[in-house]
PDB file of N, CA and C in Angstrom:
ATOM      1  N   UNK A   1     231.601 143.941 128.661  1.00  0.00           N
ATOM      2  CA  UNK A   1     230.989 144.629 127.548  1.00  0.00           C
ATOM      3  C   UNK A   1     230.067 145.725 128.061  1.00  0.00           C
ATOM      4  N   UNK A   2     230.183 146.888 127.470  1.00  0.00           N
ATOM      5  CA  UNK A   2     229.319 148.012 127.808  1.00  0.00           C
ATOM      6  C   UNK A   2     227.981 147.828 127.100  1.00  0.00           C
ATOM      7  N   UNK A   3     226.894 148.016 127.813  1.00  0.00           N
ATOM      8  CA  UNK A   3     225.582 147.755 127.237  1.00  0.00           C
ATOM      9  C   UNK A   3     224.792 149.025 126.922  1.00  0.00           C
ATOM     10  N   UNK A   4     225.412 150.182 126.875  1.00  0.00           N
ATOM     11  CA  UNK A   4     224.668 151.422 126.660  1.00  0.00           C
ATOM     12  C   UNK A   4     224.884 151.961 125.249  1.00  0.00           C
ATOM     13  N   UNK A   5     224.600 151.161 124.253  1.00  0.00           N
ATOM     14  CA  UNK A   5     224.745 151.568 122.858  1.00  0.00           C
ATOM     15  C   UNK A   5     223.468 152.244 122.372  1.00  0.00           C
ATOM     16  N   UNK A   6     223.630 153.199 121.467  1.00  0.00           N
ATOM     17  CA  UNK A   6     222.503 153.845 120.821  1.00  0.00           C
ATOM     18  C   UNK A   6     221.896 152.863 119.821  1.00  0.00           C
ATOM     19  N   UNK A   7     220.596 152.622 119.855  1.00  0.00           N
ATOM     20  CA  UNK A   7     219.984 151.649 118.958  1.00  0.00           C
ATOM     21  C   UNK A   7     220.161 151.988 117.480  1.00  0.00           C
ATOM     22  N   UNK A   8     220.392 153.234 117.136  1.00  0.00           N
ATOM     23  CA  UNK A   8     220.580 153.619 115.745  1.00  0.00           C
ATOM     24  C   UNK A   8     222.056 153.635 115.371  1.00  0.00           C
ATOM     25  N   UNK A   9     222.885 153.119 116.233  1.00  0.00           N
ATOM     26  CA  UNK A   9     224.321 153.076 116.029  1.00  0.00           C
ATOM     27  C   UNK A   9     224.657 152.167 114.852  1.00  0.00           C
ATOM     28  N   UNK A  10     225.376 152.712 113.876  1.00  0.00           N
ATOM     29  CA  UNK A  10     225.851 151.893 112.762  1.00  0.00           C
ATOM     30  C   UNK A  10     227.149 151.224 113.185  1.00  0.00           C
ATOM     31  N   UNK A  11     227.308 149.976 112.811  1.00  0.00           N
ATOM     32  CA  UNK A  11     228.522 149.261 113.169  1.00  0.00           C
ATOM     33  C   UNK A  11     229.723 149.872 112.458  1.00  0.00           C
ATOM     34  N   UNK A  12     230.816 149.993 113.187  1.00  0.00           N
ATOM     35  CA  UNK A  12     232.052 150.551 112.653  1.00  0.00           C
ATOM     36  C   UNK A  12     233.078 149.434 112.482  1.00  0.00           C
ATOM     37  N   UNK A  13     234.203 149.781 111.889  1.00  0.00           N
ATOM     38  CA  UNK A  13     235.292 148.831 111.747  1.00  0.00           C
ATOM     39  C   UNK A  13     235.751 148.337 113.122  1.00  0.00           C
ATOM     40  N   UNK A  14     235.872 149.241 114.085  1.00  0.00           N
ATOM     41  CA  UNK A  14     236.274 148.848 115.446  1.00  0.00           C
ATOM     42  C   UNK A  14     235.246 147.919 116.084  1.00  0.00           C
ATOM     43  N   UNK A  15     233.971 148.164 115.819  1.00  0.00           N
ATOM     44  CA  UNK A  15     232.924 147.263 116.305  1.00  0.00           C
ATOM     45  C   UNK A  15     233.103 145.876 115.691  1.00  0.00           C
ATOM     46  N   UNK A  16     233.435 145.844 114.412  1.00  0.00           N
ATOM     47  CA  UNK A  16     233.623 144.561 113.725  1.00  0.00           C
ATOM     48  C   UNK A  16     234.773 143.770 114.352  1.00  0.00           C
ATOM     49  N   UNK A  17     235.822 144.469 114.735  1.00  0.00           N
ATOM     50  CA  UNK A  17     236.934 143.802 115.433  1.00  0.00           C
ATOM     51  C   UNK A  17     236.434 143.207 116.742  1.00  0.00           C
ATOM     52  N   UNK A  18     235.636 143.979 117.478  1.00  0.00           N
ATOM     53  CA  UNK A  18     235.087 143.487 118.746  1.00  0.00           C
ATOM     54  C   UNK A  18     234.160 142.292 118.514  1.00  0.00           C
ATOM     55  N   UNK A  19     233.417 142.316 117.412  1.00  0.00           N
ATOM     56  CA  UNK A  19     232.549 141.182 117.057  1.00  0.00           C
ATOM     57  C   UNK A  19     233.391 139.917 116.926  1.00  0.00           C
ATOM     58  N   UNK A  20     234.502 140.002 116.194  1.00  0.00           N
ATOM     59  CA  UNK A  20     235.382 138.838 116.037  1.00  0.00           C
ATOM     60  C   UNK A  20     235.904 138.345 117.391  1.00  0.00           C
ATOM     61  N   UNK A  21     236.339 139.275 118.235  1.00  0.00           N
ATOM     62  CA  UNK A  21     236.887 138.881 119.538  1.00  0.00           C
ATOM     63  C   UNK A  21     235.824 138.192 120.393  1.00  0.00           C
ATOM     64  N   UNK A  22     234.614 138.723 120.378  1.00  0.00           N
ATOM     65  CA  UNK A  22     233.517 138.094 121.127  1.00  0.00           C
ATOM     66  C   UNK A  22     233.191 136.719 120.563  1.00  0.00           C
ATOM     67  N   UNK A  23     233.176 136.622 119.247  1.00  0.00           N
ATOM     68  CA  UNK A  23     232.896 135.340 118.585  1.00  0.00           C
ATOM     69  C   UNK A  23     233.933 134.289 118.988  1.00  0.00           C
ATOM     70  N   UNK A  24     235.192 134.666 118.988  1.00  0.00           N
ATOM     71  CA  UNK A  24     236.260 133.727 119.354  1.00  0.00           C
ATOM     72  C   UNK A  24     236.218 133.361 120.833  1.00  0.00           C
ATOM     73  N   UNK A  25     235.584 134.179 121.648  1.00  0.00           N
ATOM     74  CA  UNK A  25     235.424 133.850 123.062  1.00  0.00           C
ATOM     75  C   UNK A  25     234.233 132.917 123.280  1.00  0.00           C
ATOM     76  N   UNK A  26     233.530 132.597 122.195  1.00  0.00           N
ATOM     77  CA  UNK A  26     232.435 131.643 122.281  1.00  0.00           C
ATOM     78  C   UNK A  26     231.059 132.252 122.425  1.00  0.00           C
ATOM     79  N   UNK A  27     230.945 133.564 122.279  1.00  0.00           N
ATOM     80  CA  UNK A  27     229.632 134.191 122.395  1.00  0.00           C
ATOM     81  C   UNK A  27     228.802 133.907 121.142  1.00  0.00           C
ATOM     82  N   UNK A  28     227.528 133.695 121.344  1.00  0.00           N
ATOM     83  CA  UNK A  28     226.613 133.442 120.238  1.00  0.00           C
ATOM     84  C   UNK A  28     226.332 134.742 119.479  1.00  0.00           C
ATOM     85  N   UNK A  29     226.016 134.589 118.205  1.00  0.00           N
ATOM     86  CA  UNK A  29     225.758 135.765 117.373  1.00  0.00           C
ATOM     87  C   UNK A  29     224.606 136.610 117.902  1.00  0.00           C
ATOM     88  N   UNK A  30     223.560 135.982 118.407  1.00  0.00           N
ATOM     89  CA  UNK A  30     222.427 136.769 118.905  1.00  0.00           C
ATOM     90  C   UNK A  30     222.803 137.562 120.157  1.00  0.00           C
ATOM     91  N   UNK A  31     223.739 137.063 120.940  1.00  0.00           N
ATOM     92  CA  UNK A  31     224.199 137.780 122.131  1.00  0.00           C
ATOM     93  C   UNK A  31     225.052 138.981 121.707  1.00  0.00           C
ATOM     94  N   UNK A  32     225.919 138.758 120.731  1.00  0.00           N
ATOM     95  CA  UNK A  32     226.745 139.852 120.208  1.00  0.00           C
ATOM     96  C   UNK A  32     225.840 140.919 119.592  1.00  0.00           C
ATOM     97  N   UNK A  33     224.842 140.490 118.842  1.00  0.00           N
ATOM     98  CA  UNK A  33     223.906 141.429 118.219  1.00  0.00           C
ATOM     99  C   UNK A  33     223.173 142.256 119.271  1.00  0.00           C
ATOM    100  N   UNK A  34     222.763 141.632 120.351  1.00  0.00           N
ATOM    101  CA  UNK A  34     222.075 142.355 121.420  1.00  0.00           C
ATOM    102  C   UNK A  34     222.998 143.405 122.036  1.00  0.00           C
ATOM    103  N   UNK A  35     224.261 143.064 122.199  1.00  0.00           N
ATOM    104  CA  UNK A  35     225.233 144.010 122.741  1.00  0.00           C
ATOM    105  C   UNK A  35     225.317 145.267 121.878  1.00  0.00           C
ATOM    106  N   UNK A  36     225.330 145.079 120.573  1.00  0.00           N
ATOM    107  CA  UNK A  36     225.445 146.213 119.647  1.00  0.00           C
ATOM    108  C   UNK A  36     224.087 146.782 119.244  1.00  0.00           C
ATOM    109  N   UNK A  37     223.017 146.215 119.790  1.00  0.00           N
ATOM    110  CA  UNK A  37     221.646 146.615 119.475  1.00  0.00           C
ATOM    111  C   UNK A  37     221.426 146.665 117.966  1.00  0.00           C
ATOM    112  N   UNK A  38     221.804 145.566 117.341  1.00  0.00           N
ATOM    113  CA  UNK A  38     221.607 145.403 115.908  1.00  0.00           C
ATOM    114  C   UNK A  38     221.015 144.031 115.683  1.00  0.00           C
ATOM    115  N   UNK A  39     220.744 143.701 114.441  1.00  0.00           N
ATOM    116  CA  UNK A  39     220.183 142.377 114.232  1.00  0.00           C
ATOM    117  C   UNK A  39     221.284 141.367 113.933  1.00  0.00           C
ATOM    118  N   UNK A  40     220.972 140.137 114.181  1.00  0.00           N
ATOM    119  CA  UNK A  40     221.949 139.060 114.065  1.00  0.00           C
ATOM    120  C   UNK A  40     222.522 138.964 112.647  1.00  0.00           C
ATOM    121  N   UNK A  41     221.755 139.369 111.668  1.00  0.00           N
ATOM    122  CA  UNK A  41     222.218 139.347 110.290  1.00  0.00           C
ATOM    123  C   UNK A  41     223.432 140.231 110.065  1.00  0.00           C
ATOM    124  N   UNK A  42     223.482 141.383 110.752  1.00  0.00           N
ATOM    125  CA  UNK A  42     224.645 142.271 110.614  1.00  0.00           C
ATOM    126  C   UNK A  42     225.893 141.605 111.187  1.00  0.00           C
ATOM    127  N   UNK A  43     225.737 140.880 112.288  1.00  0.00           N
ATOM    128  CA  UNK A  43     226.869 140.180 112.901  1.00  0.00           C
ATOM    129  C   UNK A  43     227.323 139.062 111.964  1.00  0.00           C
ATOM    130  N   UNK A  44     226.363 138.351 111.392  1.00  0.00           N
ATOM    131  CA  UNK A  44     226.689 137.268 110.470  1.00  0.00           C
ATOM    132  C   UNK A  44     227.417 137.799 109.235  1.00  0.00           C
ATOM    133  N   UNK A  45     227.027 138.974 108.751  1.00  0.00           N
ATOM    134  CA  UNK A  45     227.714 139.570 107.600  1.00  0.00           C
ATOM    135  C   UNK A  45     229.189 139.833 107.909  1.00  0.00           C
ATOM    136  N   UNK A  46     229.472 140.256 109.129  1.00  0.00           N
ATOM    137  CA  UNK A  46     230.866 140.478 109.531  1.00  0.00           C
ATOM    138  C   UNK A  46     231.611 139.149 109.563  1.00  0.00           C
ATOM    139  N   UNK A  47     231.013 138.160 110.190  1.00  0.00           N
ATOM    140  CA  UNK A  47     231.681 136.868 110.352  1.00  0.00           C
ATOM    141  C   UNK A  47     231.820 136.105 109.023  1.00  0.00           C
ATOM    142  N   UNK A  48     230.990 136.415 108.048  1.00  0.00           N
ATOM    143  CA  UNK A  48     231.090 135.796 106.721  1.00  0.00           C
ATOM    144  C   UNK A  48     231.995 136.607 105.787  1.00  0.00           C
ATOM    145  N   UNK A  49     232.477 137.767 106.251  1.00  0.00           N
ATOM    146  CA  UNK A  49     233.376 138.581 105.447  1.00  0.00           C
ATOM    147  C   UNK A  49     232.696 139.496 104.448  1.00  0.00           C
ATOM    148  N   UNK A  50     231.387 139.652 104.547  1.00  0.00           N
ATOM    149  CA  UNK A  50     230.665 140.535 103.629  1.00  0.00           C
ATOM    150  C   UNK A  50     230.765 141.995 104.062  1.00  0.00           C
ATOM    151  N   UNK A  51     230.879 142.214 105.340  1.00  0.00           N
ATOM    152  CA  UNK A  51     231.022 143.549 105.911  1.00  0.00           C
ATOM    153  C   UNK A  51     232.372 143.618 106.599  1.00  0.00           C
ATOM    154  N   UNK A  52     233.103 144.676 106.383  1.00  0.00           N
ATOM    155  CA  UNK A  52     234.417 144.874 106.998  1.00  0.00           C
ATOM    156  C   UNK A  52     235.291 143.613 106.877  1.00  0.00           C
ATOM    157  N   UNK A  53     235.541 143.134 105.662  1.00  0.00           N
ATOM    158  CA  UNK A  53     236.288 141.880 105.490  1.00  0.00           C
ATOM    159  C   UNK A  53     237.683 141.905 106.107  1.00  0.00           C
ATOM    160  N   UNK A  54     238.294 143.074 106.196  1.00  0.00           N
ATOM    161  CA  UNK A  54     239.642 143.153 106.761  1.00  0.00           C
ATOM    162  C   UNK A  54     239.633 143.184 108.293  1.00  0.00           C
ATOM    163  N   UNK A  55     238.451 143.201 108.897  1.00  0.00           N
ATOM    164  CA  UNK A  55     238.366 143.251 110.367  1.00  0.00           C
ATOM    165  C   UNK A  55     238.867 141.961 111.019  1.00  0.00           C
ATOM    166  N   UNK A  56     238.724 140.829 110.341  1.00  0.00           N
ATOM    167  CA  UNK A  56     239.192 139.556 110.913  1.00  0.00           C
ATOM    168  C   UNK A  56     240.700 139.585 111.117  1.00  0.00           C
ATOM    169  N   UNK A  57     241.445 140.035 110.099  1.00  0.00           N
ATOM    170  CA  UNK A  57     242.899 140.111 110.225  1.00  0.00           C
ATOM    171  C   UNK A  57     243.319 141.100 111.303  1.00  0.00           C
ATOM    172  N   UNK A  58     242.605 142.213 111.384  1.00  0.00           N
ATOM    173  CA  UNK A  58     242.915 143.211 112.415  1.00  0.00           C
ATOM    174  C   UNK A  58     242.651 142.626 113.806  1.00  0.00           C
ATOM    175  N   UNK A  59     241.583 141.850 113.946  1.00  0.00           N
ATOM    176  CA  UNK A  59     241.266 141.227 115.226  1.00  0.00           C
ATOM    177  C   UNK A  59     242.315 140.169 115.584  1.00  0.00           C
ATOM    178  N   UNK A  60     242.755 139.422 114.577  1.00  0.00           N
ATOM    179  CA  UNK A  60     243.812 138.420 114.824  1.00  0.00           C
ATOM    180  C   UNK A  60     245.088 139.083 115.337  1.00  0.00           C
ATOM    181  N   UNK A  61     245.465 140.199 114.729  1.00  0.00           N
ATOM    182  CA  UNK A  61     246.671 140.919 115.169  1.00  0.00           C
ATOM    183  C   UNK A  61     246.489 141.451 116.582  1.00  0.00           C
ATOM    184  N   UNK A  62     245.313 141.977 116.867  1.00  0.00           N
ATOM    185  CA  UNK A  62     245.051 142.500 118.203  1.00  0.00           C
ATOM    186  C   UNK A  62     245.090 141.389 119.238  1.00  0.00           C
ATOM    187  N   UNK A  63     244.517 140.249 118.899  1.00  0.00           N
ATOM    188  CA  UNK A  63     244.504 139.099 119.823  1.00  0.00           C
ATOM    189  C   UNK A  63     245.907 138.567 120.046  1.00  0.00           C
ATOM    190  N   UNK A  64     246.727 138.541 118.990  1.00  0.00           N
ATOM    191  CA  UNK A  64     248.106 138.056 119.103  1.00  0.00           C
ATOM    192  C   UNK A  64     248.963 138.982 119.962  1.00  0.00           C
ATOM    193  N   UNK A  65     248.648 140.269 119.917  1.00  0.00           N
ATOM    194  CA  UNK A  65     249.423 141.258 120.688  1.00  0.00           C
ATOM    195  C   UNK A  65     249.055 141.233 122.172  1.00  0.00           C
ATOM    196  N   UNK A  66     247.917 140.660 122.491  1.00  0.00           N
ATOM    197  CA  UNK A  66     247.449 140.664 123.901  1.00  0.00           C
ATOM    198  C   UNK A  66     248.154 139.621 124.739  1.00  0.00           C
TER     199      UNK A  66
END
């Protein structure tokens, strides 16, 4: 994981896909949040489907293709 993110960086759909992949690898939400320099609540919103709800399916397809 690259750790040089801009702290004012808004999470994108591609970031949400990466969040899912990190989550499935067993990373804790606070660790994922630190990577994206955001708060854990934003990561939780992705994982609960409130933000970028279609990102989970996209991440599943990406993981299946790997």
